[in-house]
Amino acid sequence: MRRHPNWSLATAVLSRVIAGATDFTPDQIPGLSVNRWQSFRIDDRDPDEVTAAFLEYCRPRVTGLLIIVTLQHRRGPLLRGR
């Protein structure tokens, strides 16, 4: 799998915020069990609606820097057909 050019930086930031974390999957973030993760539906939704809903969800929970990592970030830049 080809990773985004900033993936190493992202994992380094994660490991400083959560000591011992090695990746953005539940089994590689110490103290964060899988049953604490919640899904956030984005399929078939307007991107602006998704952004607004996600920020509204995060606002009362996050007081500092918010970094969002998606599967697309892991894969790298979008490759478009000719």
N, C-alpha and C. Protein backbone atom coordinates (compact mmCIF):
# COMPACT_ATOMS: atom_id res chain seq x y z
N MET A 1 0.84 -1.17 0.00
CA MET A 1 0.00 0.00 0.00
C MET A 1 0.90 1.25 0.00
N ARG A 2 0.60 2.17 -0.88
CA ARG A 2 1.34 3.43 -0.95
C ARG A 2 0.78 4.38 0.09
N ARG A 3 1.64 4.96 0.89
CA ARG A 3 1.19 5.86 1.96
C ARG A 3 1.35 7.32 1.56
N HIS A 4 0.54 8.14 2.17
CA HIS A 4 0.60 9.59 1.97
C HIS A 4 1.99 10.08 2.37
N PRO A 5 2.54 11.07 1.68
CA PRO A 5 3.89 11.56 2.02
C PRO A 5 4.04 12.04 3.46
N ASN A 6 2.96 12.48 4.09
CA ASN A 6 3.04 12.97 5.47
C ASN A 6 2.68 11.91 6.51
N TRP A 7 2.57 10.65 6.09
CA TRP A 7 2.14 9.60 7.02
C TRP A 7 3.12 9.45 8.19
N SER A 8 4.40 9.50 7.93
CA SER A 8 5.39 9.36 9.01
C SER A 8 5.26 10.49 10.02
N LEU A 9 5.04 11.71 9.53
CA LEU A 9 4.83 12.84 10.43
C LEU A 9 3.58 12.62 11.28
N ALA A 10 2.50 12.16 10.65
CA ALA A 10 1.25 11.94 11.38
C ALA A 10 1.43 10.89 12.49
N THR A 11 2.11 9.79 12.20
CA THR A 11 2.32 8.78 13.23
C THR A 11 3.27 9.27 14.32
N ALA A 12 4.23 10.12 13.96
CA ALA A 12 5.13 10.70 14.97
C ALA A 12 4.36 11.61 15.91
N VAL A 13 3.45 12.43 15.35
CA VAL A 13 2.62 13.30 16.20
C VAL A 13 1.73 12.45 17.10
N LEU A 14 1.13 11.41 16.55
CA LEU A 14 0.28 10.52 17.35
C LEU A 14 1.06 9.91 18.51
N SER A 15 2.28 9.44 18.26
CA SER A 15 3.05 8.79 19.31
C SER A 15 3.47 9.78 20.40
N ARG A 16 3.56 11.07 20.06
CA ARG A 16 3.87 12.07 21.09
C ARG A 16 2.63 12.41 21.92
N VAL A 17 1.47 12.40 21.27
CA VAL A 17 0.22 12.69 21.97
C VAL A 17 -0.20 11.50 22.82
N ILE A 18 -0.09 10.29 22.27
CA ILE A 18 -0.44 9.07 22.99
C ILE A 18 0.80 8.18 22.98
N ALA A 19 1.54 8.19 24.06
CA ALA A 19 2.78 7.41 24.14
C ALA A 19 2.52 5.95 23.82
N GLY A 20 3.33 5.39 22.94
CA GLY A 20 3.21 3.98 22.58
C GLY A 20 2.34 3.72 21.37
N ALA A 21 1.62 4.72 20.88
CA ALA A 21 0.79 4.54 19.69
C ALA A 21 1.68 4.42 18.47
N THR A 22 1.36 3.46 17.61
CA THR A 22 2.17 3.22 16.42
C THR A 22 1.41 3.36 15.12
N ASP A 23 0.08 3.49 15.18
CA ASP A 23 -0.73 3.61 13.97
C ASP A 23 -2.09 4.14 14.37
N PHE A 24 -2.94 4.39 13.39
CA PHE A 24 -4.26 4.97 13.64
C PHE A 24 -5.36 3.92 13.65
N THR A 25 -5.04 2.69 13.99
CA THR A 25 -6.04 1.64 14.13
C THR A 25 -6.21 1.34 15.61
N PRO A 26 -7.41 0.92 16.03
CA PRO A 26 -7.68 0.73 17.47
C PRO A 26 -6.69 -0.16 18.19
N ASP A 27 -6.20 -1.21 17.53
CA ASP A 27 -5.29 -2.13 18.22
C ASP A 27 -3.87 -1.59 18.33
N GLN A 28 -3.60 -0.42 17.75
CA GLN A 28 -2.26 0.16 17.84
C GLN A 28 -2.26 1.50 18.58
N ILE A 29 -3.36 1.79 19.28
CA ILE A 29 -3.43 2.98 20.13
C ILE A 29 -3.68 2.50 21.56
N PRO A 30 -2.68 2.53 22.42
CA PRO A 30 -2.83 2.04 23.79
C PRO A 30 -3.96 2.75 24.53
N GLY A 31 -4.76 1.98 25.25
CA GLY A 31 -5.81 2.54 26.09
C GLY A 31 -7.09 2.89 25.34
N LEU A 32 -7.14 2.62 24.06
CA LEU A 32 -8.34 2.93 23.28
C LEU A 32 -8.88 1.64 22.70
N SER A 33 -9.83 1.04 23.39
CA SER A 33 -10.37 -0.23 22.93
C SER A 33 -11.33 -0.02 21.76
N VAL A 34 -11.48 -1.06 20.97
CA VAL A 34 -12.31 -1.00 19.77
C VAL A 34 -13.74 -0.60 20.10
N ASN A 35 -14.26 -1.03 21.25
CA ASN A 35 -15.66 -0.71 21.58
C ASN A 35 -15.88 0.76 21.89
N ARG A 36 -14.82 1.57 21.97
CA ARG A 36 -14.95 3.02 22.18
C ARG A 36 -15.07 3.77 20.87
N TRP A 37 -14.71 3.15 19.76
CA TRP A 37 -14.78 3.80 18.46
C TRP A 37 -16.23 3.85 18.00
N GLN A 38 -16.60 4.94 17.36
CA GLN A 38 -17.94 5.08 16.82
C GLN A 38 -17.85 5.39 15.33
N SER A 39 -18.79 4.83 14.58
CA SER A 39 -18.78 5.12 13.15
C SER A 39 -19.42 6.48 12.88
N PHE A 40 -19.04 7.07 11.78
CA PHE A 40 -19.60 8.36 11.38
C PHE A 40 -19.91 8.24 9.89
N ARG A 41 -21.19 8.13 9.58
CA ARG A 41 -21.62 7.87 8.21
C ARG A 41 -21.33 9.06 7.29
N ILE A 42 -20.65 8.78 6.18
CA ILE A 42 -20.37 9.83 5.20
C ILE A 42 -20.88 9.45 3.81
N ASP A 43 -21.16 8.17 3.60
CA ASP A 43 -21.62 7.73 2.28
C ASP A 43 -22.93 8.41 1.90
N ASP A 44 -23.02 8.82 0.65
CA ASP A 44 -24.24 9.42 0.09
C ASP A 44 -24.66 10.69 0.82
N ARG A 45 -23.70 11.41 1.39
CA ARG A 45 -24.01 12.69 2.05
C ARG A 45 -23.21 13.79 1.38
N ASP A 46 -23.76 14.97 1.37
CA ASP A 46 -23.07 16.13 0.82
C ASP A 46 -21.82 16.40 1.66
N PRO A 47 -20.66 16.62 1.04
CA PRO A 47 -19.42 16.86 1.80
C PRO A 47 -19.53 18.02 2.79
N ASP A 48 -20.21 19.09 2.42
CA ASP A 48 -20.37 20.22 3.35
C ASP A 48 -21.20 19.83 4.56
N GLU A 49 -22.21 19.00 4.34
CA GLU A 49 -23.05 18.50 5.45
C GLU A 49 -22.23 17.61 6.38
N VAL A 50 -21.39 16.77 5.79
CA VAL A 50 -20.53 15.89 6.59
C VAL A 50 -19.58 16.71 7.45
N THR A 51 -18.95 17.71 6.84
CA THR A 51 -18.02 18.57 7.58
C THR A 51 -18.71 19.27 8.73
N ALA A 52 -19.86 19.85 8.47
CA ALA A 52 -20.59 20.56 9.52
C ALA A 52 -21.01 19.62 10.64
N ALA A 53 -21.52 18.45 10.30
CA ALA A 53 -21.97 17.48 11.30
C ALA A 53 -20.79 16.97 12.13
N PHE A 54 -19.65 16.73 11.47
CA PHE A 54 -18.49 16.22 12.19
C PHE A 54 -17.92 17.27 13.15
N LEU A 55 -17.84 18.51 12.69
CA LEU A 55 -17.34 19.57 13.57
C LEU A 55 -18.29 19.78 14.74
N GLU A 56 -19.57 19.69 14.50
CA GLU A 56 -20.55 19.82 15.59
C GLU A 56 -20.38 18.69 16.60
N TYR A 57 -20.10 17.48 16.12
CA TYR A 57 -19.86 16.34 17.00
C TYR A 57 -18.59 16.55 17.83
N CYS A 58 -17.54 17.08 17.20
CA CYS A 58 -16.24 17.24 17.87
C CYS A 58 -16.18 18.42 18.82
N ARG A 59 -16.91 19.48 18.52
CA ARG A 59 -16.80 20.74 19.28
C ARG A 59 -16.85 20.54 20.80
N PRO A 60 -17.82 19.81 21.36
CA PRO A 60 -17.84 19.68 22.82
C PRO A 60 -16.81 18.68 23.36
N ARG A 61 -16.20 17.89 22.48
CA ARG A 61 -15.30 16.83 22.92
C ARG A 61 -13.82 17.17 22.77
N VAL A 62 -13.49 18.08 21.87
CA VAL A 62 -12.09 18.38 21.55
C VAL A 62 -11.78 19.83 21.93
N THR A 63 -10.76 19.99 22.76
CA THR A 63 -10.40 21.35 23.18
C THR A 63 -9.10 21.82 22.56
N GLY A 64 -8.35 20.90 21.97
CA GLY A 64 -7.07 21.27 21.37
C GLY A 64 -7.07 21.02 19.88
N LEU A 65 -5.91 20.71 19.36
CA LEU A 65 -5.72 20.45 17.95
C LEU A 65 -6.49 19.21 17.53
N LEU A 66 -7.20 19.30 16.42
CA LEU A 66 -7.95 18.16 15.88
C LEU A 66 -7.30 17.74 14.58
N ILE A 67 -6.83 16.50 14.52
CA ILE A 67 -6.22 15.96 13.31
C ILE A 67 -7.13 14.84 12.82
N ILE A 68 -7.55 14.93 11.58
CA ILE A 68 -8.45 13.94 11.01
C ILE A 68 -7.66 13.07 10.04
N VAL A 69 -7.72 11.76 10.26
CA VAL A 69 -7.02 10.81 9.40
C VAL A 69 -8.08 9.92 8.76
N THR A 70 -8.03 9.80 7.45
CA THR A 70 -8.99 8.96 6.73
C THR A 70 -8.24 7.88 5.97
N LEU A 71 -8.98 6.91 5.48
CA LEU A 71 -8.37 5.86 4.68
C LEU A 71 -7.69 6.45 3.46
N GLN A 72 -8.26 7.49 2.87
CA GLN A 72 -7.64 8.13 1.71
C GLN A 72 -6.27 8.70 2.07
N HIS A 73 -6.12 9.26 3.26
CA HIS A 73 -4.81 9.77 3.69
C HIS A 73 -3.78 8.65 3.71
N ARG A 74 -4.19 7.49 4.14
CA ARG A 74 -3.28 6.35 4.22
C ARG A 74 -2.87 5.90 2.82
N ARG A 75 -3.79 5.95 1.89
CA ARG A 75 -3.51 5.49 0.53
C ARG A 75 -2.63 6.45 -0.25
N GLY A 76 -2.70 7.73 0.06
CA GLY A 76 -1.92 8.71 -0.68
C GLY A 76 -2.81 9.59 -1.52
N PRO A 77 -2.22 10.45 -2.31
CA PRO A 77 -3.00 11.38 -3.13
C PRO A 77 -3.94 10.64 -4.08
N LEU A 78 -5.06 11.26 -4.38
CA LEU A 78 -5.99 10.68 -5.33
C LEU A 78 -5.34 10.58 -6.69
N LEU A 79 -5.52 9.45 -7.33
CA LEU A 79 -5.01 9.28 -8.68
C LEU A 79 -6.20 9.32 -9.61
N ARG A 80 -6.19 10.24 -10.52
CA ARG A 80 -7.32 10.42 -11.42
C ARG A 80 -7.00 9.79 -12.79
N GLY A 81 -8.05 9.26 -13.40
CA GLY A 81 -7.91 8.68 -14.73
C GLY A 81 -7.66 9.76 -15.77
N ARG A 82 -7.21 9.36 -16.93
CA ARG A 82 -6.91 10.34 -17.98
C ARG A 82 -8.16 10.81 -18.65
